[in-house]
Amino acid sequence: MRVKCILLFMAVVLLGNSILLSQDKIVSVYSGKALSIILHDPDGKRYPGDKNDARLCLWDYHSRNAPEQQWRIISTGEGKYKIVSVYSGKALSIILHDPDGKRFPGDKNDARLCLWDYHSRNAPEQQWRIISTGEGKFKIVSVYNGKALSIILHDPDGKRYPGDKNDARLCLWDYHSRNAPEQQWRIISIGE
């Protein structure tokens, strides 16, 4: 009986490792920078990256010891995933309202992203489809609005942003094509 319990425990641990203990970095094809939690601004002001509403950007990948740049991609079933920060345990989410309750149109282009406590399997604003575009590249598409994770390269007025610099910002946008590197990502396992 003891041997069966040990074998069952080992099977659960081994199966769990592939889903719960794997850590990945999500890297922009456009810039080569990693999806990161914003922990401070260029002036050094600190942000609590472990709180709800923590913001995201792209930044040079530091090392395996940078949990603010590490993610767990966990299946929620039916080809959907939650993307959870190793640093905070919070899920990649669409911003649908600010702390004062002001609503944002999460179904429009330029919808913004943050980290938030994971609600449930029934929260489409926290669920993603990860779809291969070939050659080891993926688009990450919101279940909520069908828009793709994108680097902000310009604002609605046409002002350009350097999407290849540290602190490049992210949003959701209609998926352009397979030839839009600002909407393509590499998911690279970094182990445990």
C-alpha atoms as a PDB file:
ATOM      1  CA  MET A   1       0.000   0.000   0.000  1.00  0.00           C
ATOM      2  CA  ARG A   2       2.831   2.385   0.916  1.00  0.00           C
ATOM      3  CA  VAL A   3       4.502   1.820  -2.489  1.00  0.00           C
ATOM      4  CA  LYS A   4       1.237   2.640  -4.313  1.00  0.00           C
ATOM      5  CA  CYS A   5       0.876   5.895  -2.359  1.00  0.00           C
ATOM      6  CA  ILE A   6       4.468   6.889  -3.136  1.00  0.00           C
ATOM      7  CA  LEU A   7       3.987   6.106  -6.854  1.00  0.00           C
ATOM      8  CA  LEU A   8       0.737   8.081  -6.942  1.00  0.00           C
ATOM      9  CA  PHE A   9       2.445  11.040  -5.222  1.00  0.00           C
ATOM     10  CA  MET A  10       5.342  10.888  -7.709  1.00  0.00           C
ATOM     11  CA  ALA A  11       2.930  10.814 -10.671  1.00  0.00           C
ATOM     12  CA  VAL A  12       1.093  13.882  -9.358  1.00  0.00           C
ATOM     13  CA  VAL A  13       4.379  15.717  -8.785  1.00  0.00           C
ATOM     14  CA  LEU A  14       5.718  14.820 -12.251  1.00  0.00           C
ATOM     15  CA  LEU A  15       2.495  15.839 -14.003  1.00  0.00           C
ATOM     16  CA  GLY A  16       2.342  19.006 -11.929  1.00  0.00           C
ATOM     17  CA  ASN A  17       5.886  19.999 -12.887  1.00  0.00           C
ATOM     18  CA  SER A  18       4.953  20.372 -16.535  1.00  0.00           C
ATOM     19  CA  ILE A  19       2.116  22.744 -15.715  1.00  0.00           C
ATOM     20  CA  LEU A  20       2.683  24.380 -12.356  1.00  0.00           C
ATOM     21  CA  LEU A  21       6.428  24.466 -11.833  1.00  0.00           C
ATOM     22  CA  SER A  22       7.609  25.370 -15.318  1.00  0.00           C
ATOM     23  CA  GLN A  23       8.687  28.968 -15.593  1.00  0.00           C
ATOM     24  CA  ASP A  24       8.813  30.782 -18.883  1.00  0.00           C
ATOM     25  CA  LYS A  25       9.938  34.079 -20.223  1.00  0.00           C
ATOM     26  CA  ILE A  26       7.740  35.702 -22.870  1.00  0.00           C
ATOM     27  CA  VAL A  27       9.925  37.554 -25.352  1.00  0.00           C
ATOM     28  CA  SER A  28       8.916  40.021 -28.064  1.00  0.00           C
ATOM     29  CA  VAL A  29       9.892  39.013 -31.599  1.00  0.00           C
ATOM     30  CA  TYR A  30       9.981  42.742 -32.433  1.00  0.00           C
ATOM     31  CA  SER A  31      12.480  43.830 -29.775  1.00  0.00           C
ATOM     32  CA  GLY A  32      13.873  40.719 -28.105  1.00  0.00           C
ATOM     33  CA  LYS A  33      12.826  42.182 -24.739  1.00  0.00           C
ATOM     34  CA  ALA A  34      10.962  40.227 -22.071  1.00  0.00           C
ATOM     35  CA  LEU A  35       7.456  40.782 -20.704  1.00  0.00           C
ATOM     36  CA  SER A  36       8.094  42.385 -17.295  1.00  0.00           C
ATOM     37  CA  ILE A  37       6.293  43.864 -14.310  1.00  0.00           C
ATOM     38  CA  ILE A  38       7.020  47.578 -13.886  1.00  0.00           C
ATOM     39  CA  LEU A  39       8.721  47.850 -10.484  1.00  0.00           C
ATOM     40  CA  HIS A  40      10.066  51.407 -10.877  1.00  0.00           C
ATOM     41  CA  ASP A  41       9.987  54.298 -13.320  1.00  0.00           C
ATOM     42  CA  PRO A  42      13.083  55.847 -14.958  1.00  0.00           C
ATOM     43  CA  ASP A  43      13.367  58.286 -12.012  1.00  0.00           C
ATOM     44  CA  GLY A  44      13.602  55.385  -9.566  1.00  0.00           C
ATOM     45  CA  LYS A  45      10.091  55.665  -8.086  1.00  0.00           C
ATOM     46  CA  ARG A  46       9.158  52.180  -6.865  1.00  0.00           C
ATOM     47  CA  TYR A  47       5.884  50.434  -7.675  1.00  0.00           C
ATOM     48  CA  PRO A  48       4.372  47.534  -5.752  1.00  0.00           C
ATOM     49  CA  GLY A  49       4.529  44.832  -8.398  1.00  0.00           C
ATOM     50  CA  ASP A  50       2.739  42.397  -6.126  1.00  0.00           C
ATOM     51  CA  LYS A  51      -0.490  44.436  -5.872  1.00  0.00           C
ATOM     52  CA  ASN A  52      -3.575  44.338  -8.069  1.00  0.00           C
ATOM     53  CA  ASP A  53      -3.282  46.727 -11.032  1.00  0.00           C
ATOM     54  CA  ALA A  54       0.509  46.208 -11.367  1.00  0.00           C
ATOM     55  CA  ARG A  55       1.510  47.396 -14.844  1.00  0.00           C
ATOM     56  CA  LEU A  56       3.560  45.658 -17.498  1.00  0.00           C
ATOM     57  CA  CYS A  57       6.219  46.640 -20.013  1.00  0.00           C
ATOM     58  CA  LEU A  58       9.067  45.135 -22.023  1.00  0.00           C
ATOM     59  CA  TRP A  59      12.576  45.150 -20.585  1.00  0.00           C
ATOM     60  CA  ASP A  60      15.953  43.526 -21.197  1.00  0.00           C
ATOM     61  CA  TYR A  61      15.850  40.047 -19.704  1.00  0.00           C
ATOM     62  CA  HIS A  62      17.902  40.058 -16.493  1.00  0.00           C
ATOM     63  CA  SER A  63      18.532  36.461 -15.513  1.00  0.00           C
ATOM     64  CA  ARG A  64      16.886  33.364 -14.132  1.00  0.00           C
ATOM     65  CA  ASN A  65      16.801  35.239 -10.818  1.00  0.00           C
ATOM     66  CA  ALA A  66      14.364  37.912 -12.040  1.00  0.00           C
ATOM     67  CA  PRO A  67      10.899  36.629 -11.051  1.00  0.00           C
ATOM     68  CA  GLU A  68       9.284  39.870 -12.299  1.00  0.00           C
ATOM     69  CA  GLN A  69      10.100  38.567 -15.808  1.00  0.00           C
ATOM     70  CA  GLN A  70       8.975  34.982 -15.292  1.00  0.00           C
ATOM     71  CA  TRP A  71       5.551  33.507 -16.021  1.00  0.00           C
ATOM     72  CA  ARG A  72       3.602  30.320 -15.547  1.00  0.00           C
ATOM     73  CA  ILE A  73       1.294  29.474 -18.416  1.00  0.00           C
ATOM     74  CA  ILE A  74      -1.436  27.268 -17.016  1.00  0.00           C
ATOM     75  CA  SER A  75      -4.208  25.583 -18.994  1.00  0.00           C
ATOM     76  CA  THR A  76      -7.765  26.434 -17.930  1.00  0.00           C
ATOM     77  CA  GLY A  77      -9.205  23.967 -20.466  1.00  0.00           C
ATOM     78  CA  GLU A  78     -10.655  24.237 -23.973  1.00  0.00           C
ATOM     79  CA  GLY A  79      -7.440  25.696 -25.419  1.00  0.00           C
ATOM     80  CA  LYS A  80      -7.420  28.622 -22.972  1.00  0.00           C
ATOM     81  CA  TYR A  81      -4.660  29.635 -20.572  1.00  0.00           C
ATOM     82  CA  LYS A  82      -4.022  31.936 -17.669  1.00  0.00           C
ATOM     83  CA  ILE A  83      -0.640  33.666 -17.613  1.00  0.00           C
ATOM     84  CA  VAL A  84       0.515  34.069 -14.019  1.00  0.00           C
ATOM     85  CA  SER A  85       3.435  36.114 -12.687  1.00  0.00           C
ATOM     86  CA  VAL A  86       6.031  34.129 -10.744  1.00  0.00           C
ATOM     87  CA  TYR A  87       6.791  37.366  -8.846  1.00  0.00           C
ATOM     88  CA  SER A  88       3.271  38.070  -7.563  1.00  0.00           C
ATOM     89  CA  GLY A  89       1.072  35.077  -8.376  1.00  0.00           C
ATOM     90  CA  LYS A  90      -1.326  37.468 -10.147  1.00  0.00           C
ATOM     91  CA  ALA A  91      -2.768  36.866 -13.606  1.00  0.00           C
ATOM     92  CA  LEU A  92      -2.336  38.858 -16.809  1.00  0.00           C
ATOM     93  CA  SER A  93      -5.610  40.782 -17.123  1.00  0.00           C
ATOM     94  CA  ILE A  94      -7.327  43.384 -19.263  1.00  0.00           C
ATOM     95  CA  ILE A  95      -7.972  46.627 -17.371  1.00  0.00           C
ATOM     96  CA  LEU A  96     -11.762  47.024 -17.341  1.00  0.00           C
ATOM     97  CA  HIS A  97     -11.962  49.708 -14.639  1.00  0.00           C
ATOM     98  CA  ASP A  98      -9.697  51.926 -12.545  1.00  0.00           C
ATOM     99  CA  PRO A  99      -9.543  51.815  -8.715  1.00  0.00           C
ATOM    100  CA  ASP A 100     -12.323  54.456  -8.595  1.00  0.00           C
ATOM    101  CA  GLY A 101     -14.632  52.196 -10.599  1.00  0.00           C
ATOM    102  CA  LYS A 102     -14.407  54.100 -13.910  1.00  0.00           C
ATOM    103  CA  ARG A 103     -15.079  51.580 -16.679  1.00  0.00           C
ATOM    104  CA  PHE A 104     -12.774  51.112 -19.680  1.00  0.00           C
ATOM    105  CA  PRO A 105     -13.826  49.585 -22.981  1.00  0.00           C
ATOM    106  CA  GLY A 106     -11.810  46.383 -22.885  1.00  0.00           C
ATOM    107  CA  ASP A 107     -13.100  45.380 -26.292  1.00  0.00           C
ATOM    108  CA  LYS A 108     -11.482  48.295 -28.172  1.00  0.00           C
ATOM    109  CA  ASN A 109      -8.037  48.563 -29.733  1.00  0.00           C
ATOM    110  CA  ASP A 110      -5.507  49.947 -27.251  1.00  0.00           C
ATOM    111  CA  ALA A 111      -7.086  48.075 -24.304  1.00  0.00           C
ATOM    112  CA  ARG A 112      -4.516  48.124 -21.494  1.00  0.00           C
ATOM    113  CA  LEU A 113      -3.165  45.288 -19.385  1.00  0.00           C
ATOM    114  CA  CYS A 114      -2.254  44.765 -15.748  1.00  0.00           C
ATOM    115  CA  LEU A 115      -1.859  41.997 -13.203  1.00  0.00           C
ATOM    116  CA  TRP A 116      -4.802  41.072 -10.975  1.00  0.00           C
ATOM    117  CA  ASP A 117      -5.889  38.301  -8.637  1.00  0.00           C
ATOM    118  CA  TYR A 118      -7.166  35.429 -10.777  1.00  0.00           C
ATOM    119  CA  HIS A 119     -10.968  35.382 -10.530  1.00  0.00           C
ATOM    120  CA  SER A 120     -12.057  32.040 -11.916  1.00  0.00           C
ATOM    121  CA  ARG A 121     -12.240  29.983 -15.064  1.00  0.00           C
ATOM    122  CA  ASN A 122     -15.217  32.160 -16.001  1.00  0.00           C
ATOM    123  CA  ALA A 123     -13.230  35.409 -16.238  1.00  0.00           C
ATOM    124  CA  PRO A 124     -12.490  35.826 -19.975  1.00  0.00           C
ATOM    125  CA  GLU A 125     -10.561  39.060 -19.345  1.00  0.00           C
ATOM    126  CA  GLN A 126      -7.908  36.847 -17.697  1.00  0.00           C
ATOM    127  CA  GLN A 127      -7.818  34.031 -20.242  1.00  0.00           C
ATOM    128  CA  TRP A 128      -5.682  33.758 -23.348  1.00  0.00           C
ATOM    129  CA  ARG A 129      -5.281  31.635 -26.440  1.00  0.00           C
ATOM    130  CA  ILE A 130      -1.695  30.995 -27.443  1.00  0.00           C
ATOM    131  CA  ILE A 131      -1.607  30.342 -31.180  1.00  0.00           C
ATOM    132  CA  SER A 132       1.440  29.333 -33.209  1.00  0.00           C
ATOM    133  CA  THR A 133       2.325  31.600 -36.125  1.00  0.00           C
ATOM    134  CA  GLY A 134       5.176  29.285 -37.176  1.00  0.00           C
ATOM    135  CA  GLU A 135       8.926  29.203 -36.644  1.00  0.00           C
ATOM    136  CA  GLY A 136       8.598  29.085 -32.842  1.00  0.00           C
ATOM    137  CA  LYS A 137       6.548  32.297 -32.695  1.00  0.00           C
ATOM    138  CA  PHE A 138       3.129  32.773 -31.120  1.00  0.00           C
ATOM    139  CA  LYS A 139       0.350  35.308 -30.914  1.00  0.00           C
ATOM    140  CA  ILE A 140      -1.283  35.697 -27.516  1.00  0.00           C
ATOM    141  CA  VAL A 141      -4.973  36.479 -27.995  1.00  0.00           C
ATOM    142  CA  SER A 142      -7.503  37.589 -25.398  1.00  0.00           C
ATOM    143  CA  VAL A 143     -10.507  35.306 -24.924  1.00  0.00           C
ATOM    144  CA  TYR A 144     -12.423  38.429 -23.806  1.00  0.00           C
ATOM    145  CA  ASN A 145     -12.085  40.467 -27.003  1.00  0.00           C
ATOM    146  CA  GLY A 146     -10.148  38.426 -29.580  1.00  0.00           C
ATOM    147  CA  LYS A 147      -7.370  41.036 -29.737  1.00  0.00           C
ATOM    148  CA  ALA A 148      -3.660  40.241 -29.682  1.00  0.00           C
ATOM    149  CA  LEU A 149      -1.027  41.196 -27.117  1.00  0.00           C
ATOM    150  CA  SER A 150       0.861  44.028 -28.866  1.00  0.00           C
ATOM    151  CA  ILE A 151       3.642  46.531 -28.299  1.00  0.00           C
ATOM    152  CA  ILE A 152       2.366  50.121 -28.385  1.00  0.00           C
ATOM    153  CA  LEU A 153       4.218  51.718 -31.318  1.00  0.00           C
ATOM    154  CA  HIS A 154       2.021  54.835 -31.594  1.00  0.00           C
ATOM    155  CA  ASP A 155      -0.895  56.502 -29.842  1.00  0.00           C
ATOM    156  CA  PRO A 156      -4.287  57.258 -31.468  1.00  0.00           C
ATOM    157  CA  ASP A 157      -2.916  60.654 -32.585  1.00  0.00           C
ATOM    158  CA  GLY A 158      -0.066  58.977 -34.460  1.00  0.00           C
ATOM    159  CA  LYS A 159       2.740  59.826 -32.006  1.00  0.00           C
ATOM    160  CA  ARG A 160       5.394  57.127 -32.420  1.00  0.00           C
ATOM    161  CA  TYR A 161       6.934  55.182 -29.531  1.00  0.00           C
ATOM    162  CA  PRO A 162      10.220  53.267 -29.598  1.00  0.00           C
ATOM    163  CA  GLY A 163       8.941  49.728 -29.137  1.00  0.00           C
ATOM    164  CA  ASP A 164      12.460  48.383 -29.036  1.00  0.00           C
ATOM    165  CA  LYS A 165      13.517  50.312 -25.900  1.00  0.00           C
ATOM    166  CA  ASN A 166      13.255  49.297 -22.253  1.00  0.00           C
ATOM    167  CA  ASP A 167       9.892  50.291 -20.748  1.00  0.00           C
ATOM    168  CA  ALA A 168       8.012  49.758 -24.039  1.00  0.00           C
ATOM    169  CA  ARG A 169       4.312  49.538 -23.175  1.00  0.00           C
ATOM    170  CA  LEU A 170       1.777  46.885 -24.135  1.00  0.00           C
ATOM    171  CA  CYS A 171      -1.863  46.835 -25.149  1.00  0.00           C
ATOM    172  CA  LEU A 172      -4.352  44.693 -27.037  1.00  0.00           C
ATOM    173  CA  TRP A 173      -4.925  45.365 -30.732  1.00  0.00           C
ATOM    174  CA  ASP A 174      -6.532  43.689 -33.745  1.00  0.00           C
ATOM    175  CA  TYR A 175      -4.105  41.069 -35.028  1.00  0.00           C
ATOM    176  CA  HIS A 176      -2.506  42.381 -38.235  1.00  0.00           C
ATOM    177  CA  SER A 177      -0.879  39.424 -39.930  1.00  0.00           C
ATOM    178  CA  ARG A 178       1.853  36.872 -39.575  1.00  0.00           C
ATOM    179  CA  ASN A 179       4.251  39.658 -40.575  1.00  0.00           C
ATOM    180  CA  ALA A 180       3.587  41.893 -37.551  1.00  0.00           C
ATOM    181  CA  PRO A 181       6.527  41.214 -35.197  1.00  0.00           C
ATOM    182  CA  GLU A 182       5.143  43.675 -32.605  1.00  0.00           C
ATOM    183  CA  GLN A 183       2.359  41.118 -32.054  1.00  0.00           C
ATOM    184  CA  GLN A 184       4.462  37.965 -32.009  1.00  0.00           C
ATOM    185  CA  TRP A 185       6.126  36.321 -29.042  1.00  0.00           C
ATOM    186  CA  ARG A 186       8.528  33.549 -28.193  1.00  0.00           C
ATOM    187  CA  ILE A 187       7.802  31.501 -25.091  1.00  0.00           C
ATOM    188  CA  ILE A 188      11.066  30.209 -23.713  1.00  0.00           C
ATOM    189  CA  SER A 189      11.224  27.768 -20.817  1.00  0.00           C
ATOM    190  CA  ILE A 190      13.789  28.716 -18.209  1.00  0.00           C
ATOM    191  CA  GLY A 191      13.218  25.679 -15.999  1.00  0.00           C
ATOM    192  CA  GLU A 192      12.535  25.893 -12.311  1.00  0.00           C
END
